[in-house]
Each structure stands twice: as structure tokens, then as C-alpha cells.
């Protein structure tokens, strides 16, 4: 029995020493891994901050478009209102608010020359023409507000009613006939 006990003890000592060394090695690896996780997280945060700063910064063309946006509380059809306010923290960005929703929008160059603001997260677009503006949700395929007009747009709408632009369907006037 003593021999058996001595054999077990002799067998257990190296196993215990090996386990102690292994756990110390594991602790060192965990500490190193934790340190590199912190570095990775810091690097990721710095990169994310840089990306967000790049997103916030607008091009000169986009800033020029932002200068054309009508601001304030604009009346729309059916008694609705849309309020556009410049974002003081992010030049060129706007907070567009309806009765129930608020969107953070930035200018986007359009091929038609219309002033266009977008909130890609919400899927909304603000289009500003010479005679009216509208708020649309392109994800849902709906107009959220239509016939919104600033005082300048209302003046232009009245002018266009009295002096309509020629239709593309009208007969062209011949230059040679004159």
C-alpha cells in the first residue's frame, strides 16, 4: 500500500508542476491577448472616428447646394408642415422634421439641378424645386409631404400659374418663319 501511495505521489508531482506551468503560461497569453484586444479596439475606434469625420465633411459642391436650401417652417398641402433647420455642429447638414418624424439630411448633387437632401439611414429624400418642395420615403415609395413652399417658392408657383412654361407637346415655333 505504501508503494502504491508513493507511486501516486511521484506521478502527481510532475502533473501538478506541469499544470502550474501551463496555467501561468495561459495567464500570460490572456494578458497579452487582452492587451492586443485593447489596442485593436482603440485602433478600431480611431478608424471609425476618421470615417465618421470623412462622412461629415462635405465637398465644396455639396456645401454650395446647402446654401440654396430654404429653412424654417414650410407649410405643405393638407395642413402639414415641414421644418428645416441647419445643423450647427455639422455645416451643410440639416434636421428635417415633420409632425411625427425627424431626419438628419445632407445635400447630394442631382443631375436635374434640383436641391436634394438625403437621409440614407431612414431612406428619405427632400427635393426642392423652384415652385415647391416634397419629402419622400423611397424605401416605402411614398410622399411624406408634398406641395411644401417657402415664400419664394409660393411667389414662383403663382408666377408659373399666370405664365406657364411651354409644354414639350406644344408645336415648336419655327425660327425660319420669323
Protein backbone atom coordinates (compact mmCIF):
# COMPACT_ATOMS: atom_id res chain seq x y z
CA UNK A 1 0.00 0.00 0.00
CA UNK A 2 2.86 2.37 0.81
CA UNK A 3 4.39 1.61 -2.58
CA UNK A 4 1.12 2.40 -4.29
CA UNK A 5 0.77 5.68 -2.38
CA UNK A 6 4.39 6.62 -3.16
CA UNK A 7 3.82 5.83 -6.86
CA UNK A 8 0.70 8.01 -6.96
CA UNK A 9 2.54 10.89 -5.25
CA UNK A 10 5.52 10.55 -7.58
CA UNK A 11 3.16 10.52 -10.53
CA UNK A 12 1.10 13.50 -9.26
CA UNK A 13 4.04 15.85 -8.55
CA UNK A 14 5.12 16.20 -12.20
CA UNK A 15 1.48 16.53 -13.28
CA UNK A 16 0.91 19.29 -10.70
CA UNK A 17 4.08 21.09 -11.78
CA UNK A 18 3.04 20.83 -15.42
CA UNK A 19 -0.43 22.17 -14.59
CA UNK A 20 1.07 25.11 -12.68
CA UNK A 21 3.36 25.96 -15.56
CA UNK A 22 0.51 25.64 -18.06
CA UNK A 23 -1.81 27.90 -16.06
CA UNK A 24 0.97 30.51 -15.69
CA UNK A 25 1.55 30.31 -19.45
CA UNK A 26 -2.18 30.67 -20.10
CA UNK A 27 -2.39 33.71 -17.80
CA UNK A 28 0.49 35.36 -19.70
CA UNK A 29 -1.22 34.62 -23.03
CA UNK A 30 -4.53 36.02 -21.77
CA UNK A 31 -2.78 39.16 -20.54
CA UNK A 32 -1.08 39.56 -23.92
CA UNK A 33 -4.36 38.89 -25.74
CA UNK A 34 -6.17 41.39 -23.53
CA UNK A 35 -3.52 43.99 -24.27
CA UNK A 36 -3.82 43.39 -28.01
CA UNK A 37 -7.63 43.49 -27.75
CA UNK A 38 -7.37 46.91 -26.17
CA UNK A 39 -5.04 48.05 -28.94
CA UNK A 40 -7.37 46.61 -31.58
CA UNK A 41 -10.38 48.31 -30.02
CA UNK A 42 -8.54 51.63 -29.80
CA UNK A 43 -7.44 51.35 -33.42
CA UNK A 44 -10.98 50.44 -34.49
CA UNK A 45 -12.39 53.44 -32.61
CA UNK A 46 -9.84 55.76 -34.21
CA UNK A 47 -10.65 54.41 -37.66
CA UNK A 48 -14.40 54.73 -37.02
CA UNK A 49 -13.91 58.33 -35.86
CA UNK A 50 -11.94 59.07 -39.02
CA UNK A 51 -14.64 57.53 -41.19
CA UNK A 52 -17.37 59.48 -39.38
CA UNK A 53 -15.35 62.70 -39.80
CA UNK A 54 -14.98 61.95 -43.51
CA UNK A 55 -18.73 61.34 -43.73
CA UNK A 56 -19.49 64.62 -42.00
CA UNK A 57 -17.14 66.65 -44.20
CA UNK A 58 -18.90 67.75 -47.38
CA UNK A 59 -17.40 68.69 -50.72
CA UNK A 60 -17.48 72.32 -51.91
CA UNK A 61 -20.24 71.38 -54.40
CA UNK A 62 -22.37 69.90 -51.60
CA UNK A 63 -21.77 72.95 -49.40
CA UNK A 64 -22.89 75.18 -52.29
CA UNK A 65 -26.08 73.12 -52.60
CA UNK A 66 -26.66 73.52 -48.84
CA UNK A 67 -26.60 77.31 -49.28
CA UNK A 68 -29.69 77.04 -51.50
CA UNK A 69 -31.86 75.13 -49.02
CA UNK A 70 -34.90 77.02 -47.76
CA UNK A 71 -35.03 76.90 -43.98
CA UNK A 72 -37.79 77.40 -41.47
CA UNK A 73 -41.30 76.06 -41.08
CA UNK A 74 -42.70 75.42 -44.56
CA UNK A 75 -46.45 74.87 -45.00
CA UNK A 76 -47.42 71.88 -47.14
CA UNK A 77 -50.64 70.52 -48.59
CA UNK A 78 -53.38 69.22 -46.29
CA UNK A 79 -52.25 71.49 -43.43
CA UNK A 80 -48.95 69.68 -42.88
CA UNK A 81 -45.67 71.42 -42.09
CA UNK A 82 -42.00 70.54 -42.60
CA UNK A 83 -39.35 72.36 -40.60
CA UNK A 84 -35.80 72.59 -41.95
CA UNK A 85 -33.04 73.68 -39.60
CA UNK A 86 -29.31 73.85 -40.30
CA UNK A 87 -27.24 71.59 -38.04
CA UNK A 88 -24.90 73.89 -36.09
CA UNK A 89 -22.44 71.04 -35.38
CA UNK A 90 -22.15 69.81 -38.98
CA UNK A 91 -22.03 72.53 -41.66
CA UNK A 92 -24.16 71.64 -44.67
CA UNK A 93 -26.32 69.15 -42.75
CA UNK A 94 -29.97 69.77 -41.93
CA UNK A 95 -32.54 68.49 -39.48
CA UNK A 96 -35.80 67.97 -41.37
CA UNK A 97 -38.80 67.48 -39.12
CA UNK A 98 -42.42 66.62 -39.79
CA UNK A 99 -45.15 66.23 -37.21
CA UNK A 100 -44.02 62.72 -36.24
CA UNK A 101 -40.53 62.21 -37.68
CA UNK A 102 -37.10 63.83 -37.63
CA UNK A 103 -34.40 63.21 -40.23
CA UNK A 104 -30.72 64.23 -40.43
CA UNK A 105 -30.02 65.05 -44.07
CA UNK A 106 -27.12 66.18 -46.20
CA UNK A 107 -27.04 67.66 -49.72
CA UNK A 108 -26.49 65.44 -52.75
CA UNK A 109 -25.71 66.65 -56.26
CA UNK A 110 -28.58 65.92 -58.64
CA UNK A 111 -28.45 65.70 -62.42
CA UNK A 112 -31.57 67.89 -62.75
CA UNK A 113 -30.23 70.79 -60.72
CA UNK A 114 -32.91 70.36 -58.05
CA UNK A 115 -31.79 70.80 -54.45
CA UNK A 116 -31.70 67.33 -52.95
CA UNK A 117 -31.16 66.31 -49.33
CA UNK A 118 -30.91 62.68 -48.25
CA UNK A 119 -31.04 60.60 -45.09
CA UNK A 120 -29.88 57.18 -46.31
CA UNK A 121 -30.49 55.51 -42.95
CA UNK A 122 -34.18 56.42 -42.97
CA UNK A 123 -34.48 56.22 -46.76
CA UNK A 124 -35.86 59.75 -47.04
CA UNK A 125 -35.23 62.44 -49.66
CA UNK A 126 -36.10 66.15 -49.60
CA UNK A 127 -36.48 67.62 -53.11
CA UNK A 128 -36.62 71.36 -53.52
CA UNK A 129 -37.72 72.77 -56.86
CA UNK A 130 -38.26 76.39 -57.84
CA UNK A 131 -42.01 76.26 -57.11
CA UNK A 132 -42.40 73.55 -54.44
CA UNK A 133 -40.65 71.01 -52.25
CA UNK A 134 -41.51 67.48 -51.19
CA UNK A 135 -40.38 64.91 -48.65
CA UNK A 136 -40.32 61.33 -49.90
CA UNK A 137 -39.53 57.95 -48.43
CA UNK A 138 -38.02 55.97 -51.28
CA UNK A 139 -37.87 52.76 -49.20
CA UNK A 140 -41.66 52.82 -48.85
CA UNK A 141 -42.28 54.54 -52.20
CA UNK A 142 -44.38 57.27 -50.54
CA UNK A 143 -44.52 61.03 -50.40
CA UNK A 144 -44.49 62.06 -46.77
CA UNK A 145 -45.17 65.75 -47.53
CA UNK A 146 -45.95 67.46 -50.83
CA UNK A 147 -46.52 71.00 -52.10
CA UNK A 148 -44.33 72.46 -49.34
CA UNK A 149 -43.48 76.09 -50.14
CA UNK A 150 -41.28 78.81 -48.80
CA UNK A 151 -42.44 82.39 -49.55
CA UNK A 152 -40.06 82.48 -52.57
CA UNK A 153 -41.45 79.20 -53.88
CA UNK A 154 -45.04 80.42 -53.43
CA UNK A 155 -44.19 83.50 -55.49
CA UNK A 156 -42.66 81.32 -58.22
CA UNK A 157 -45.69 78.97 -58.18
CA UNK A 158 -48.05 81.94 -58.65
CA UNK A 159 -45.89 83.26 -61.48
CA UNK A 160 -45.89 79.87 -63.22
CA UNK A 161 -49.69 79.69 -62.99
CA UNK A 162 -50.00 83.07 -64.74
CA UNK A 163 -47.12 82.42 -67.16
CA UNK A 164 -46.89 78.70 -67.80
CA UNK A 165 -43.78 77.33 -69.44
CA UNK A 166 -44.31 75.95 -72.93
CA UNK A 167 -45.11 72.26 -72.93
CA UNK A 168 -42.89 69.81 -74.75
CA UNK A 169 -46.08 68.76 -76.56
CA UNK A 170 -46.70 72.27 -77.94
CA UNK A 171 -45.84 72.89 -81.58
CA UNK A 172 -42.33 74.29 -81.88
CA UNK A 173 -42.03 77.78 -83.27
CA UNK A 174 -40.05 77.90 -86.46
CA UNK A 175 -37.06 80.22 -86.47
CA UNK A 176 -37.17 80.42 -90.28
CA UNK A 177 -40.79 81.67 -90.23
CA UNK A 178 -39.82 84.75 -88.27
